[in-house]
């Protein structure tokens, strides 16, 4: 769909992202391995088939407990086309 931005990520064990937030709402689904998503200070342990939703403009980080594959999608593509997508790396 042209309005949805899908992404798959492979994070090596021990890898963690810097805090990030953006105007799009993001849905993460665990595919393989184990990871952790921290949203505004609340941590969610993610295993295969788990779903975590990060609402727009909430700060989050990703961390791989073991090698972790996560699929995500958001409405970023629609927001970019409409001209109101914004992001901030913290």
N, C-alpha and C. Protein backbone atom coordinates (compact mmCIF):
# COMPACT_ATOMS: atom_id res chain seq x y z
N UNK A 1 0.84 -1.18 0.00
CA UNK A 1 0.00 0.00 0.00
C UNK A 1 0.88 1.24 0.00
N UNK A 2 0.57 2.22 -0.80
CA UNK A 2 1.43 3.40 -0.89
C UNK A 2 1.40 4.30 0.34
N UNK A 3 0.46 4.07 1.27
CA UNK A 3 0.39 4.92 2.46
C UNK A 3 1.04 4.29 3.69
N UNK A 4 1.53 3.07 3.56
CA UNK A 4 2.14 2.34 4.68
C UNK A 4 3.64 2.17 4.43
N UNK A 5 4.43 2.37 5.48
CA UNK A 5 5.89 2.21 5.38
C UNK A 5 6.31 0.97 6.16
N UNK A 6 6.54 -0.18 5.47
CA UNK A 6 6.98 -1.39 6.16
C UNK A 6 8.51 -1.42 6.31
N UNK A 7 8.98 -2.12 7.32
CA UNK A 7 10.43 -2.24 7.53
C UNK A 7 10.71 -3.52 8.31
N UNK A 8 11.81 -4.19 7.99
CA UNK A 8 12.25 -5.32 8.80
C UNK A 8 13.66 -5.01 9.27
N UNK A 9 13.93 -5.30 10.53
CA UNK A 9 15.23 -4.97 11.13
C UNK A 9 15.84 -6.22 11.73
N UNK A 10 17.14 -6.37 11.56
CA UNK A 10 17.91 -7.43 12.22
C UNK A 10 18.88 -6.75 13.15
N UNK A 11 18.69 -6.93 14.44
CA UNK A 11 19.56 -6.31 15.44
C UNK A 11 20.43 -7.39 16.08
N UNK A 12 21.75 -7.22 16.07
CA UNK A 12 22.62 -8.21 16.69
C UNK A 12 22.47 -8.20 18.21
N UNK A 13 22.74 -9.32 18.85
CA UNK A 13 22.64 -9.43 20.31
C UNK A 13 23.44 -8.32 20.98
N UNK A 14 22.83 -7.66 21.94
CA UNK A 14 23.49 -6.59 22.68
C UNK A 14 23.36 -5.21 22.06
N UNK A 15 22.85 -5.11 20.84
CA UNK A 15 22.71 -3.82 20.17
C UNK A 15 21.54 -3.05 20.75
N UNK A 16 21.70 -1.74 20.90
CA UNK A 16 20.62 -0.88 21.37
C UNK A 16 20.64 0.42 20.58
N UNK A 17 19.46 0.94 20.27
CA UNK A 17 19.37 2.19 19.53
C UNK A 17 19.40 3.38 20.49
N UNK A 18 19.67 4.54 19.94
CA UNK A 18 19.53 5.79 20.69
C UNK A 18 18.05 6.14 20.75
N UNK A 19 17.64 6.94 21.72
CA UNK A 19 16.23 7.35 21.79
C UNK A 19 15.81 8.09 20.51
N UNK A 20 14.57 7.84 20.11
CA UNK A 20 14.05 8.38 18.86
C UNK A 20 12.55 8.61 19.02
N UNK A 21 12.03 9.61 18.34
CA UNK A 21 10.59 9.79 18.25
C UNK A 21 10.24 10.43 16.92
N UNK A 22 9.03 10.16 16.47
CA UNK A 22 8.57 10.71 15.20
C UNK A 22 7.05 10.84 15.24
N UNK A 23 6.51 11.55 14.27
CA UNK A 23 5.08 11.84 14.27
C UNK A 23 4.22 10.64 13.86
N UNK A 24 4.83 9.63 13.24
CA UNK A 24 4.05 8.47 12.82
C UNK A 24 3.86 7.48 13.97
N UNK A 25 2.74 6.78 13.97
CA UNK A 25 2.52 5.69 14.92
C UNK A 25 3.19 4.44 14.35
N UNK A 26 3.93 3.70 15.18
CA UNK A 26 4.70 2.56 14.72
C UNK A 26 4.18 1.28 15.37
N UNK A 27 4.04 0.21 14.58
CA UNK A 27 3.64 -1.10 15.09
C UNK A 27 4.81 -2.04 14.87
N UNK A 28 5.31 -2.66 15.94
CA UNK A 28 6.41 -3.61 15.88
C UNK A 28 5.89 -5.02 16.14
N UNK A 29 6.39 -6.00 15.37
CA UNK A 29 6.04 -7.40 15.57
C UNK A 29 7.34 -8.20 15.67
N UNK A 30 7.48 -8.97 16.74
CA UNK A 30 8.65 -9.83 16.88
C UNK A 30 8.59 -10.96 15.86
N UNK A 31 9.70 -11.20 15.15
CA UNK A 31 9.75 -12.27 14.15
C UNK A 31 10.59 -13.43 14.68
N UNK A 32 11.84 -13.15 15.05
CA UNK A 32 12.75 -14.16 15.60
C UNK A 32 13.58 -13.53 16.70
N UNK A 33 14.01 -14.33 17.65
CA UNK A 33 14.87 -13.84 18.72
C UNK A 33 14.08 -13.09 19.78
N UNK A 34 14.84 -12.37 20.62
CA UNK A 34 14.21 -11.63 21.72
C UNK A 34 14.75 -10.21 21.76
N UNK A 35 13.87 -9.28 22.03
CA UNK A 35 14.27 -7.88 22.12
C UNK A 35 13.46 -7.16 23.18
N UNK A 36 13.77 -5.89 23.32
CA UNK A 36 13.06 -5.05 24.28
C UNK A 36 12.80 -3.70 23.62
N UNK A 37 11.59 -3.22 23.79
CA UNK A 37 11.22 -1.89 23.31
C UNK A 37 10.85 -1.09 24.55
N UNK A 38 11.53 0.03 24.73
CA UNK A 38 11.20 0.91 25.85
C UNK A 38 10.52 2.15 25.29
N UNK A 39 9.29 2.40 25.76
CA UNK A 39 8.49 3.53 25.30
C UNK A 39 8.24 4.45 26.47
N UNK A 40 8.81 5.65 26.41
CA UNK A 40 8.62 6.65 27.47
C UNK A 40 8.85 6.05 28.86
N UNK A 41 9.90 5.22 28.99
CA UNK A 41 10.27 4.67 30.29
C UNK A 41 9.62 3.34 30.65
N UNK A 42 8.69 2.84 29.85
CA UNK A 42 8.06 1.55 30.10
C UNK A 42 8.64 0.52 29.14
N UNK A 43 9.21 -0.58 29.68
CA UNK A 43 9.86 -1.59 28.86
C UNK A 43 8.91 -2.73 28.52
N UNK A 44 8.98 -3.19 27.28
CA UNK A 44 8.20 -4.33 26.80
C UNK A 44 9.17 -5.37 26.26
N UNK A 45 9.12 -6.58 26.81
CA UNK A 45 9.94 -7.68 26.31
C UNK A 45 9.21 -8.27 25.10
N UNK A 46 9.94 -8.43 23.98
CA UNK A 46 9.31 -8.87 22.74
C UNK A 46 9.93 -10.19 22.28
N UNK A 47 9.07 -11.16 22.05
CA UNK A 47 9.44 -12.46 21.51
C UNK A 47 8.68 -12.65 20.20
N UNK A 48 8.95 -13.73 19.45
CA UNK A 48 8.22 -13.94 18.20
C UNK A 48 6.70 -13.88 18.39
N UNK A 49 6.03 -13.20 17.49
CA UNK A 49 4.58 -13.03 17.43
C UNK A 49 4.05 -11.96 18.38
N UNK A 50 4.90 -11.37 19.23
CA UNK A 50 4.44 -10.29 20.10
C UNK A 50 4.28 -9.00 19.28
N UNK A 51 3.33 -8.19 19.67
CA UNK A 51 3.05 -6.92 18.98
C UNK A 51 3.14 -5.79 20.00
N UNK A 52 3.87 -4.73 19.63
CA UNK A 52 3.98 -3.53 20.47
C UNK A 52 3.69 -2.33 19.58
N UNK A 53 2.82 -1.45 20.04
CA UNK A 53 2.47 -0.24 19.30
C UNK A 53 3.08 0.96 20.00
N UNK A 54 3.77 1.79 19.22
CA UNK A 54 4.36 3.03 19.75
C UNK A 54 3.58 4.19 19.14
N UNK A 55 2.79 4.89 19.95
CA UNK A 55 2.04 6.03 19.43
C UNK A 55 2.97 7.14 18.92
N UNK A 56 2.46 7.96 18.04
CA UNK A 56 3.25 9.06 17.49
C UNK A 56 3.80 9.99 18.55
N UNK A 57 5.00 10.45 18.32
CA UNK A 57 5.74 11.42 19.12
C UNK A 57 6.07 10.94 20.53
N UNK A 58 6.10 9.63 20.73
CA UNK A 58 6.55 9.08 22.01
C UNK A 58 7.97 8.55 21.82
N UNK A 59 8.85 8.89 22.76
CA UNK A 59 10.26 8.48 22.69
C UNK A 59 10.36 6.98 22.92
N UNK A 60 11.16 6.30 22.04
CA UNK A 60 11.37 4.86 22.23
C UNK A 60 12.78 4.45 21.85
N UNK A 61 13.20 3.30 22.40
CA UNK A 61 14.47 2.68 22.05
C UNK A 61 14.22 1.20 21.79
N UNK A 62 15.08 0.60 20.98
CA UNK A 62 15.05 -0.83 20.70
C UNK A 62 16.33 -1.44 21.24
N UNK A 63 16.26 -2.62 21.82
CA UNK A 63 17.45 -3.31 22.32
C UNK A 63 17.29 -4.81 22.05
N UNK A 64 18.33 -5.44 21.52
CA UNK A 64 18.31 -6.87 21.22
C UNK A 64 18.88 -7.65 22.41
N UNK A 65 18.05 -8.52 22.99
CA UNK A 65 18.51 -9.40 24.07
C UNK A 65 19.34 -10.52 23.47
N UNK A 66 18.83 -11.12 22.39
CA UNK A 66 19.57 -12.06 21.55
C UNK A 66 19.47 -11.49 20.13
N UNK A 67 20.06 -12.15 19.16
CA UNK A 67 19.87 -11.65 17.79
C UNK A 67 18.37 -11.55 17.55
N UNK A 68 17.90 -10.39 17.10
CA UNK A 68 16.47 -10.12 17.06
C UNK A 68 16.05 -9.59 15.70
N UNK A 69 15.02 -10.19 15.16
CA UNK A 69 14.42 -9.71 13.92
C UNK A 69 13.04 -9.17 14.25
N UNK A 70 12.80 -7.93 13.87
CA UNK A 70 11.51 -7.29 14.13
C UNK A 70 10.98 -6.68 12.85
N UNK A 71 9.70 -6.90 12.60
CA UNK A 71 9.01 -6.28 11.47
C UNK A 71 8.24 -5.09 12.03
N UNK A 72 8.19 -4.01 11.27
CA UNK A 72 7.40 -2.85 11.72
C UNK A 72 6.72 -2.20 10.52
N UNK A 73 5.66 -1.47 10.83
CA UNK A 73 5.02 -0.66 9.80
C UNK A 73 4.41 0.57 10.46
N UNK A 74 4.25 1.60 9.66
CA UNK A 74 3.70 2.86 10.18
C UNK A 74 3.01 3.62 9.05
N UNK A 75 2.44 4.75 9.42
CA UNK A 75 1.80 5.62 8.43
C UNK A 75 2.77 6.72 7.96
N UNK A 76 4.06 6.47 8.10
CA UNK A 76 5.07 7.45 7.71
C UNK A 76 4.94 7.86 6.24
N UNK A 77 4.73 6.88 5.36
CA UNK A 77 4.65 7.20 3.92
C UNK A 77 3.54 8.20 3.65
N UNK A 78 2.39 8.02 4.28
CA UNK A 78 1.28 8.96 4.09
C UNK A 78 1.64 10.33 4.64
N UNK A 79 2.25 10.36 5.83
CA UNK A 79 2.61 11.64 6.43
C UNK A 79 3.65 12.38 5.60
N UNK A 80 4.61 11.64 5.02
CA UNK A 80 5.61 12.29 4.17
C UNK A 80 4.94 12.89 2.93
N UNK A 81 4.04 12.16 2.31
CA UNK A 81 3.36 12.67 1.12
C UNK A 81 2.48 13.89 1.42
N UNK A 82 1.94 13.92 2.63
CA UNK A 82 1.11 15.05 3.03
C UNK A 82 1.93 16.22 3.57
N UNK A 83 3.23 15.97 3.81
CA UNK A 83 4.13 17.04 4.22
C UNK A 83 4.16 17.35 5.71
N UNK A 84 3.66 16.45 6.55
CA UNK A 84 3.73 16.77 7.97
C UNK A 84 4.47 15.74 8.81
N UNK A 85 5.27 14.87 8.20
CA UNK A 85 6.10 13.95 8.97
C UNK A 85 7.25 14.72 9.60
N UNK A 86 7.55 14.39 10.86
CA UNK A 86 8.72 14.98 11.53
C UNK A 86 9.30 13.92 12.44
N UNK A 87 10.60 14.06 12.73
CA UNK A 87 11.30 13.10 13.57
C UNK A 87 12.35 13.82 14.40
N UNK A 88 12.75 13.17 15.48
CA UNK A 88 13.77 13.74 16.36
C UNK A 88 14.59 12.60 16.95
N UNK A 89 15.90 12.69 16.75
CA UNK A 89 16.83 11.75 17.40
C UNK A 89 17.34 12.42 18.66
N UNK A 90 17.17 11.75 19.77
CA UNK A 90 17.48 12.36 21.07
C UNK A 90 18.83 11.92 21.60
